[in-house]
């Protein structure tokens, strides 16, 4: 039965849908920024193109050659400093660090997923025009409920007034209908006999 419960919970959990809605909403927000970025690139493009045109190819080649020599020297230094005895220890240490980093990223990913899902839930509410649960909670606190009957007497009284027994309500899956009270007619005064 636990598998069925887990499956039911998985299929009824709206979080993935909220995550998708949140992702879409964030994408729309980012897409709204694109026209401004395009305008900025249009404004900066002529100056950048001119800078590239005025750059001397000889200087660029010299800088590339210097960078290549620096990288080659660093690689030779690293390979020259490798100690075969410490290599196994270093590999094991790196593997353990990798596991720790992977676990940390998994936690961060879950936190980000939850934040995006929460954003999506708020976006869906905004799209639907629904009020947030916080406002409903505040309204419930401000306007206290009318005291209702409680206990078995209240349920049997409401069931019998609607024509259902408690068992029939459960099997029918219906809530008992509320009783309507007839509107009171104003009392008419007897006509004066004169």
Protein backbone atom coordinates (compact mmCIF):
# COMPACT_ATOMS: atom_id res chain seq x y z
CA UNK A 1 0.00 0.00 0.00
CA UNK A 2 2.97 2.31 0.56
CA UNK A 3 3.80 2.19 -3.15
CA UNK A 4 0.27 3.24 -4.06
CA UNK A 5 0.43 6.11 -1.56
CA UNK A 6 3.80 7.23 -2.93
CA UNK A 7 2.50 7.05 -6.48
CA UNK A 8 -0.63 9.01 -5.58
CA UNK A 9 1.46 11.66 -3.84
CA UNK A 10 3.81 11.91 -6.82
CA UNK A 11 0.98 12.24 -9.33
CA UNK A 12 -0.93 14.82 -7.30
CA UNK A 13 2.06 16.99 -6.32
CA UNK A 14 1.74 20.32 -8.19
CA UNK A 15 5.34 21.38 -7.49
CA UNK A 16 6.73 20.32 -10.92
CA UNK A 17 3.98 22.30 -12.64
CA UNK A 18 4.70 25.31 -10.46
CA UNK A 19 8.40 24.89 -11.31
CA UNK A 20 7.55 24.95 -15.02
CA UNK A 21 5.33 28.01 -14.55
CA UNK A 22 8.04 29.74 -12.53
CA UNK A 23 10.64 28.97 -15.18
CA UNK A 24 8.36 30.35 -17.89
CA UNK A 25 7.65 33.49 -15.86
CA UNK A 26 11.36 34.07 -15.21
CA UNK A 27 12.08 33.53 -18.91
CA UNK A 28 9.47 36.14 -19.83
CA UNK A 29 11.00 38.58 -17.33
CA UNK A 30 14.45 38.03 -18.87
CA UNK A 31 13.06 38.31 -22.41
CA UNK A 32 11.69 41.75 -21.55
CA UNK A 33 15.29 42.88 -20.96
CA UNK A 34 16.45 41.83 -24.45
CA UNK A 35 15.39 45.00 -26.35
CA UNK A 36 17.42 47.16 -23.94
CA UNK A 37 20.47 44.93 -24.37
CA UNK A 38 20.13 45.08 -28.15
CA UNK A 39 19.99 48.87 -28.03
CA UNK A 40 23.08 48.93 -25.80
CA UNK A 41 24.95 46.64 -28.23
CA UNK A 42 23.92 48.84 -31.17
CA UNK A 43 25.26 51.89 -29.37
CA UNK A 44 28.56 50.23 -28.40
CA UNK A 45 29.15 48.22 -31.59
CA UNK A 46 30.71 50.97 -33.76
CA UNK A 47 33.32 51.81 -31.11
CA UNK A 48 34.23 48.14 -30.59
CA UNK A 49 34.48 47.45 -34.30
CA UNK A 50 36.71 50.49 -34.73
CA UNK A 51 38.93 49.30 -31.87
CA UNK A 52 39.34 45.91 -33.55
CA UNK A 53 40.17 47.56 -36.88
CA UNK A 54 42.81 49.76 -35.27
CA UNK A 55 44.45 46.87 -33.40
CA UNK A 56 47.82 45.87 -34.79
CA UNK A 57 47.92 42.16 -35.69
CA UNK A 58 51.61 42.00 -34.72
CA UNK A 59 50.79 43.02 -31.11
CA UNK A 60 48.02 40.41 -30.87
CA UNK A 61 50.38 37.68 -32.15
CA UNK A 62 53.07 38.67 -29.66
CA UNK A 63 50.61 38.54 -26.74
CA UNK A 64 49.32 35.15 -27.89
CA UNK A 65 52.88 33.80 -28.11
CA UNK A 66 53.67 35.09 -24.59
CA UNK A 67 50.53 33.44 -23.19
CA UNK A 68 51.39 30.15 -24.91
CA UNK A 69 54.92 30.18 -23.48
CA UNK A 70 53.59 30.94 -19.99
CA UNK A 71 51.13 28.03 -20.17
CA UNK A 72 53.83 25.65 -21.45
CA UNK A 73 56.17 26.66 -18.61
CA UNK A 74 53.45 26.14 -16.02
CA UNK A 75 52.57 22.69 -17.43
CA UNK A 76 56.23 21.65 -17.36
CA UNK A 77 56.51 22.87 -13.76
CA UNK A 78 53.41 20.91 -12.69
CA UNK A 79 54.52 17.68 -14.39
CA UNK A 80 58.02 18.06 -12.97
CA UNK A 81 56.65 18.38 -9.43
CA UNK A 82 54.52 15.22 -9.57
CA UNK A 83 55.46 12.68 -6.92
CA UNK A 84 54.19 9.18 -7.84
CA UNK A 85 53.76 8.26 -4.15
CA UNK A 86 51.52 11.20 -3.46
CA UNK A 87 49.59 10.77 -6.69
CA UNK A 88 47.33 8.03 -5.21
CA UNK A 89 46.66 10.06 -2.08
CA UNK A 90 45.89 13.12 -4.15
CA UNK A 91 43.50 11.15 -6.38
CA UNK A 92 41.65 9.80 -3.35
CA UNK A 93 41.49 13.26 -1.78
CA UNK A 94 40.14 14.74 -5.01
CA UNK A 95 37.52 11.99 -5.25
CA UNK A 96 36.30 12.69 -1.71
CA UNK A 97 36.20 16.40 -2.39
CA UNK A 98 34.24 15.70 -5.55
CA UNK A 99 31.63 13.74 -3.61
CA UNK A 100 31.31 16.60 -1.12
CA UNK A 101 30.99 19.17 -3.88
CA UNK A 102 28.38 17.04 -5.66
CA UNK A 103 26.33 16.76 -2.46
CA UNK A 104 26.56 20.52 -1.94
CA UNK A 105 25.40 21.16 -5.50
CA UNK A 106 22.52 18.73 -5.04
CA UNK A 107 21.36 20.66 -1.96
CA UNK A 108 21.68 23.97 -3.81
CA UNK A 109 19.78 22.57 -6.78
CA UNK A 110 16.92 21.45 -4.50
CA UNK A 111 16.81 24.88 -2.86
CA UNK A 112 16.74 26.59 -6.25
CA UNK A 113 14.05 24.18 -7.47
CA UNK A 114 11.91 25.01 -4.43
CA UNK A 115 12.41 28.78 -4.93
CA UNK A 116 11.46 28.60 -8.61
CA UNK A 117 8.44 26.43 -7.76
CA UNK A 118 7.34 28.96 -5.14
CA UNK A 119 7.79 31.76 -7.69
CA UNK A 120 5.72 29.73 -10.14
CA UNK A 121 2.95 29.23 -7.60
CA UNK A 122 2.81 32.98 -7.03
CA UNK A 123 2.86 33.60 -10.78
CA UNK A 124 -0.02 31.17 -11.32
CA UNK A 125 -2.02 32.91 -8.60
CA UNK A 126 -1.31 36.26 -10.23
CA UNK A 127 -2.33 34.91 -13.65
CA UNK A 128 -5.56 33.56 -12.18
CA UNK A 129 -6.19 36.70 -10.18
CA UNK A 130 -6.41 34.75 -6.95
CA UNK A 131 -5.68 36.27 -3.60
CA UNK A 132 -2.81 34.84 -1.69
CA UNK A 133 -3.33 32.48 1.21
CA UNK A 134 -1.86 35.07 3.55
CA UNK A 135 -4.68 37.50 2.76
CA UNK A 136 -7.24 34.76 3.31
CA UNK A 137 -5.62 33.94 6.65
CA UNK A 138 -5.70 37.59 7.68
CA UNK A 139 -9.34 37.87 6.66
CA UNK A 140 -10.17 34.77 8.68
CA UNK A 141 -8.43 36.27 11.71
CA UNK A 142 -10.24 39.60 11.34
CA UNK A 143 -13.68 38.09 10.78
CA UNK A 144 -14.21 35.30 13.28
CA UNK A 145 -16.41 32.42 12.16
CA UNK A 146 -19.96 32.09 13.40
CA UNK A 147 -19.99 29.43 16.13
CA UNK A 148 -21.16 26.18 14.57
CA UNK A 149 -22.68 23.13 16.22
CA UNK A 150 -20.18 20.42 16.80
CA UNK A 151 -20.27 16.81 17.79
CA UNK A 152 -22.35 13.87 16.70
CA UNK A 153 -25.66 15.57 17.52
CA UNK A 154 -24.95 18.33 15.01
CA UNK A 155 -24.14 15.90 12.20
CA UNK A 156 -27.17 13.72 12.86
CA UNK A 157 -29.42 16.75 13.16
CA UNK A 158 -28.19 18.18 9.86
CA UNK A 159 -28.44 14.76 8.21
CA UNK A 160 -31.96 14.12 9.34
CA UNK A 161 -33.04 17.61 8.36
CA UNK A 162 -31.84 17.04 4.81
CA UNK A 163 -33.44 13.62 4.60
CA UNK A 164 -30.19 11.62 4.68
CA UNK A 165 -28.82 9.41 7.38
CA UNK A 166 -25.14 9.73 8.24
CA UNK A 167 -24.39 6.49 6.34
CA UNK A 168 -26.30 7.66 3.28
CA UNK A 169 -24.30 10.89 3.24
CA UNK A 170 -21.03 9.01 3.25
CA UNK A 171 -22.08 6.66 0.47
CA UNK A 172 -23.67 9.35 -1.64
CA UNK A 173 -20.65 11.64 -1.22
CA UNK A 174 -22.93 14.62 -0.78
CA UNK A 175 -23.03 17.21 1.88
CA UNK A 176 -26.41 17.72 3.48
CA UNK A 177 -28.43 20.49 1.92
CA UNK A 178 -28.91 23.57 4.02
CA UNK A 179 -32.44 24.13 5.25
CA UNK A 180 -34.08 27.20 3.93
CA UNK A 181 -36.30 29.08 6.27
CA UNK A 182 -39.36 30.65 4.71
CA UNK A 183 -39.37 34.40 4.63
CA UNK A 184 -41.61 35.94 7.26
CA UNK A 185 -44.52 37.90 5.97
CA UNK A 186 -45.34 41.14 7.71
CA UNK A 187 -48.28 40.90 10.02
CA UNK A 188 -51.32 42.70 8.73
CA UNK A 189 -53.35 44.70 11.12
CA UNK A 190 -57.05 43.85 11.23
CA UNK A 191 -59.14 46.37 9.39
CA UNK A 192 -61.05 48.78 11.55
CA UNK A 193 -64.72 48.23 11.43
CA UNK A 194 -66.43 51.48 11.41
